[in-house]
C-alpha atoms as a PDB file:
ATOM      1  CA  MET A   1       8.729  18.214   4.264  1.00  0.00           C
ATOM      2  CA  SER A   2       6.424  16.177   6.332  1.00  0.00           C
ATOM      3  CA  ILE A   3       2.609  15.793   6.145  1.00  0.00           C
ATOM      4  CA  TRP A   4       0.436  13.392   8.128  1.00  0.00           C
ATOM      5  CA  TRP A   5      -3.268  12.863   8.603  1.00  0.00           C
ATOM      6  CA  SER A   6      -5.483  10.388  10.339  1.00  0.00           C
ATOM      7  CA  LEU A   7      -9.174   9.512   9.683  1.00  0.00           C
ATOM      8  CA  HIS A   8     -11.599   7.637  11.879  1.00  0.00           C
ATOM      9  CA  LEU A   9     -14.061   6.103   9.407  1.00  0.00           C
ATOM     10  CA  ARG A  10     -17.187   4.152   9.677  1.00  0.00           C
ATOM     11  CA  ARG A  11     -17.015   0.532   8.373  1.00  0.00           C
ATOM     12  CA  GLU A  12     -19.085   1.420   5.293  1.00  0.00           C
ATOM     13  CA  ALA A  13     -18.226   0.980   1.600  1.00  0.00           C
ATOM     14  CA  ALA A  14     -18.605   4.699   1.065  1.00  0.00           C
ATOM     15  CA  SER A  15     -15.582   5.335   3.285  1.00  0.00           C
ATOM     16  CA  VAL A  16     -13.162   3.647   0.954  1.00  0.00           C
ATOM     17  CA  PRO A  17     -13.260   6.181  -1.887  1.00  0.00           C
ATOM     18  CA  LEU A  18     -13.225   9.027   0.638  1.00  0.00           C
ATOM     19  CA  ALA A  19      -9.867   7.755   2.059  1.00  0.00           C
ATOM     20  CA  ARG A  20      -8.490   7.255  -1.444  1.00  0.00           C
ATOM     21  CA  ARG A  21      -9.462  10.725  -2.661  1.00  0.00           C
ATOM     22  CA  LEU A  22      -7.920  12.357   0.415  1.00  0.00           C
ATOM     23  CA  LEU A  23      -4.684  10.481  -0.140  1.00  0.00           C
ATOM     24  CA  LEU A  24      -4.589  11.404  -3.853  1.00  0.00           C
ATOM     25  CA  GLY A  25      -5.363  15.002  -3.136  1.00  0.00           C
ATOM     26  CA  ALA A  26      -2.613  15.299  -0.562  1.00  0.00           C
ATOM     27  CA  MET A  27      -0.049  13.630  -2.821  1.00  0.00           C
ATOM     28  CA  GLU A  28      -0.991  15.692  -5.793  1.00  0.00           C
ATOM     29  CA  THR A  29      -0.765  18.914  -3.788  1.00  0.00           C
ATOM     30  CA  ALA A  30       2.641  17.886  -2.444  1.00  0.00           C
ATOM     31  CA  GLY A  31       3.957  17.042  -5.956  1.00  0.00           C
ATOM     32  CA  VAL A  32       4.225  13.283  -5.751  1.00  0.00           C
ATOM     33  CA  ASP A  33       4.658  11.444  -9.058  1.00  0.00           C
ATOM     34  CA  PRO A  34       1.187  10.331 -10.283  1.00  0.00           C
ATOM     35  CA  ASP A  35       2.227   6.717 -10.752  1.00  0.00           C
ATOM     36  CA  VAL A  36       3.489   6.394  -7.168  1.00  0.00           C
ATOM     37  CA  SER A  37       0.310   8.122  -5.997  1.00  0.00           C
ATOM     38  CA  TYR A  38      -1.804   5.764  -7.983  1.00  0.00           C
ATOM     39  CA  ASP A  39      -0.131   2.639  -6.585  1.00  0.00           C
ATOM     40  CA  LEU A  40      -0.520   3.899  -3.009  1.00  0.00           C
ATOM     41  CA  SER A  41      -4.125   4.762  -3.562  1.00  0.00           C
ATOM     42  CA  VAL A  42      -4.930   1.259  -4.914  1.00  0.00           C
ATOM     43  CA  ALA A  43      -3.125  -0.368  -1.941  1.00  0.00           C
ATOM     44  CA  LEU A  44      -5.006   1.996   0.438  1.00  0.00           C
ATOM     45  CA  SER A  45      -8.351   1.051  -1.172  1.00  0.00           C
ATOM     46  CA  GLU A  46      -7.610  -2.674  -0.705  1.00  0.00           C
ATOM     47  CA  ALA A  47      -6.622  -2.169   2.979  1.00  0.00           C
ATOM     48  CA  CYS A  48      -9.737  -0.113   3.627  1.00  0.00           C
ATOM     49  CA  ALA A  49     -11.934  -2.591   1.833  1.00  0.00           C
ATOM     50  CA  ASN A  50     -10.632  -5.334   4.041  1.00  0.00           C
ATOM     51  CA  ALA A  51     -11.238  -3.291   7.178  1.00  0.00           C
ATOM     52  CA  VAL A  52     -14.785  -2.605   6.044  1.00  0.00           C
ATOM     53  CA  GLU A  53     -15.506  -6.213   5.251  1.00  0.00           C
ATOM     54  CA  HIS A  54     -13.570  -8.050   7.968  1.00  0.00           C
ATOM     55  CA  GLY A  55     -12.717  -5.379  10.564  1.00  0.00           C
ATOM     56  CA  GLY A  56     -15.612  -5.786  13.042  1.00  0.00           C
ATOM     57  CA  ASP A  57     -16.394  -8.291  15.765  1.00  0.00           C
ATOM     58  CA  GLY A  58     -19.947  -7.258  16.556  1.00  0.00           C
ATOM     59  CA  ALA A  59     -19.056  -5.610  19.803  1.00  0.00           C
ATOM     60  CA  ARG A  60     -22.053  -3.865  21.354  1.00  0.00           C
ATOM     61  CA  ASP A  61     -20.063  -0.753  22.349  1.00  0.00           C
ATOM     62  CA  GLY A  62     -19.732   0.221  18.710  1.00  0.00           C
ATOM     63  CA  SER A  63     -15.923   0.003  18.645  1.00  0.00           C
ATOM     64  CA  SER A  64     -15.984  -2.474  15.771  1.00  0.00           C
ATOM     65  CA  GLU A  65     -18.074  -0.065  13.668  1.00  0.00           C
ATOM     66  CA  ALA A  66     -15.092   2.040  12.694  1.00  0.00           C
ATOM     67  CA  TYR A  67     -11.520   1.844  11.502  1.00  0.00           C
ATOM     68  CA  ARG A  68      -8.636   4.256  11.321  1.00  0.00           C
ATOM     69  CA  VAL A  69      -6.476   5.376   8.411  1.00  0.00           C
ATOM     70  CA  THR A  70      -3.215   7.192   8.975  1.00  0.00           C
ATOM     71  CA  ALA A  71      -0.865   8.456   6.295  1.00  0.00           C
ATOM     72  CA  TYR A  72       2.552   9.915   6.660  1.00  0.00           C
ATOM     73  CA  LEU A  73       4.427  11.659   3.898  1.00  0.00           C
ATOM     74  CA  ASP A  74       7.825  12.070   5.401  1.00  0.00           C
ATOM     75  CA  GLY A  75      10.830  13.007   3.344  1.00  0.00           C
ATOM     76  CA  GLU A  76      11.279  10.402   0.648  1.00  0.00           C
ATOM     77  CA  LYS A  77       8.744   7.874   1.985  1.00  0.00           C
ATOM     78  CA  CYS A  78       5.001   7.455   2.453  1.00  0.00           C
ATOM     79  CA  ARG A  79       3.768   5.184   5.149  1.00  0.00           C
ATOM     80  CA  ILE A  80       0.082   4.226   5.470  1.00  0.00           C
ATOM     81  CA  GLU A  81      -1.597   2.300   8.323  1.00  0.00           C
ATOM     82  CA  VAL A  82      -5.074   0.935   8.318  1.00  0.00           C
ATOM     83  CA  THR A  83      -6.197  -0.287  11.767  1.00  0.00           C
ATOM     84  CA  ASP A  84      -9.487  -2.145  12.537  1.00  0.00           C
ATOM     85  CA  SER A  85     -11.096  -3.781  15.583  1.00  0.00           C
ATOM     86  CA  GLY A  86     -11.927  -7.161  14.064  1.00  0.00           C
ATOM     87  CA  PRO A  87     -11.049 -10.626  15.117  1.00  0.00           C
ATOM     88  CA  GLY A  88      -7.597 -10.494  13.499  1.00  0.00           C
ATOM     89  CA  LEU A  89      -6.105 -12.311  10.624  1.00  0.00           C
ATOM     90  CA  ALA A  90      -5.174 -16.040  10.372  1.00  0.00           C
ATOM     91  CA  ARG A  91      -1.567 -16.694  10.718  1.00  0.00           C
ATOM     92  CA  ASN A  92      -0.970 -17.242   7.019  1.00  0.00           C
ATOM     93  CA  ALA A  93      -3.360 -14.520   5.675  1.00  0.00           C
ATOM     94  CA  GLY A  94      -1.863 -12.615   2.799  1.00  0.00           C
ATOM     95  CA  THR A  95       0.794 -15.284   2.157  1.00  0.00           C
ATOM     96  CA  ARG A  96      -1.361 -17.754   0.314  1.00  0.00           C
ATOM     97  CA  LEU A  97      -2.151 -16.956  -3.327  1.00  0.00           C
ATOM     98  CA  PRO A  98      -5.831 -16.990  -4.129  1.00  0.00           C
ATOM     99  CA  ARG A  99      -7.139 -19.320  -6.788  1.00  0.00           C
ATOM    100  CA  ALA A 100      -7.005 -17.873 -10.247  1.00  0.00           C
ATOM    101  CA  ASP A 101     -10.892 -17.867 -10.447  1.00  0.00           C
ATOM    102  CA  ALA A 102     -11.285 -16.426  -7.009  1.00  0.00           C
ATOM    103  CA  GLU A 103     -13.410 -13.262  -6.721  1.00  0.00           C
ATOM    104  CA  GLN A 104     -11.971 -12.343  -3.328  1.00  0.00           C
ATOM    105  CA  GLY A 105      -8.758 -12.680  -1.447  1.00  0.00           C
ATOM    106  CA  ARG A 106      -6.379 -10.789  -3.635  1.00  0.00           C
ATOM    107  CA  GLY A 107      -6.203  -7.593  -1.601  1.00  0.00           C
ATOM    108  CA  LEU A 108      -3.300  -8.333   0.648  1.00  0.00           C
ATOM    109  CA  CYS A 109      -1.365  -9.894  -2.281  1.00  0.00           C
ATOM    110  CA  LEU A 110      -1.972  -6.694  -4.337  1.00  0.00           C
ATOM    111  CA  ILE A 111      -0.814  -4.478  -1.475  1.00  0.00           C
ATOM    112  CA  ARG A 112       2.400  -6.502  -1.251  1.00  0.00           C
ATOM    113  CA  GLU A 113       2.991  -5.954  -5.054  1.00  0.00           C
ATOM    114  CA  LEU A 114       2.334  -2.196  -4.973  1.00  0.00           C
ATOM    115  CA  ALA A 115       4.232  -1.238  -1.811  1.00  0.00           C
ATOM    116  CA  ASP A 116       7.942  -1.508  -0.958  1.00  0.00           C
ATOM    117  CA  HIS A 117       7.417  -2.853   2.559  1.00  0.00           C
ATOM    118  CA  VAL A 118       4.364  -4.325   4.098  1.00  0.00           C
ATOM    119  CA  HIS A 119       3.560  -5.380   7.636  1.00  0.00           C
ATOM    120  CA  ILE A 120       0.378  -7.104   8.736  1.00  0.00           C
ATOM    121  CA  GLY A 121      -0.070  -7.823  12.350  1.00  0.00           C
ATOM    122  CA  PRO A 122      -2.267  -7.735  15.406  1.00  0.00           C
ATOM    123  CA  LYS A 123      -3.447  -4.387  16.854  1.00  0.00           C
ATOM    124  CA  PRO A 124      -1.969  -3.778  20.302  1.00  0.00           C
ATOM    125  CA  GLY A 125      -4.552  -4.100  23.063  1.00  0.00           C
ATOM    126  CA  ARG A 126      -8.145  -5.288  22.468  1.00  0.00           C
ATOM    127  CA  GLY A 127      -7.689  -7.051  19.173  1.00  0.00           C
ATOM    128  CA  GLY A 128      -7.907  -6.193  15.530  1.00  0.00           C
ATOM    129  CA  THR A 129      -5.419  -5.905  12.753  1.00  0.00           C
ATOM    130  CA  VAL A 130      -2.966  -3.281  11.575  1.00  0.00           C
ATOM    131  CA  VAL A 131      -1.988  -3.262   7.899  1.00  0.00           C
ATOM    132  CA  SER A 132       0.865  -0.911   7.281  1.00  0.00           C
ATOM    133  CA  PHE A 133       2.823  -0.278   4.142  1.00  0.00           C
ATOM    134  CA  ASP A 134       5.243   2.178   2.721  1.00  0.00           C
ATOM    135  CA  LYS A 135       6.718   3.155  -0.592  1.00  0.00           C
ATOM    136  CA  MET A 136       9.570   5.430  -1.590  1.00  0.00           C
ATOM    137  CA  LEU A 137       8.315   8.577  -3.163  1.00  0.00           C
ATOM    138  CA  LYS A 138       9.237  10.072  -6.522  1.00  0.00           C
ATOM    139  CA  TRP A 139       8.478  13.751  -7.242  1.00  0.00           C
ATOM    140  CA  ARG A 140       7.174  15.702 -10.111  1.00  0.00           C
ATOM    141  CA  ASP A 141       9.650  18.247 -11.487  1.00  0.00           C
ATOM    142  CA  ASP A 142       7.409  21.140 -10.386  1.00  0.00           C
ATOM    143  CA  ALA A 143       6.739  19.622  -6.906  1.00  0.00           C
ATOM    144  CA  PRO A 144       6.057  22.554  -4.498  1.00  0.00           C
ATOM    145  CA  LEU A 145       6.767  20.590  -1.241  1.00  0.00           C
ATOM    146  CA  VAL A 146       9.831  18.526  -2.075  1.00  0.00           C
ATOM    147  CA  ALA A 147      12.312  18.185   0.820  1.00  0.00           C
ATOM    148  CA  VAL A 148      15.499  20.230   0.282  1.00  0.00           C
END
């Protein structure tokens, strides 16, 4: 079983729950275990929130006003990529722990805790960042789309 979808979203806060609900709906329909679905949806929300907040460079052609979310459910793994057109991340972003009283800066750390593998790097070409992560899937007993 293989499912994939891709969204081109405006860099607006309202796009974050839209991407999250679409992922949760696809995973529920496929029969993914709810705990795995929840972990991935939280990680996706964090990656989208980062793209909304930091993913633009003020380009006049409008290219920085959107970001892309792509999700792949393939066999026993789910892979999610969030790509923006921002200035890119500092070399040590996501590796430093935020201060305990910080109100921001925990998103990339949270993604690393919820996913099995995480890659954060530059977007090929004009600039921007790609946050990709994957997680092994567990299936409900009554899953309709489990790979045989």
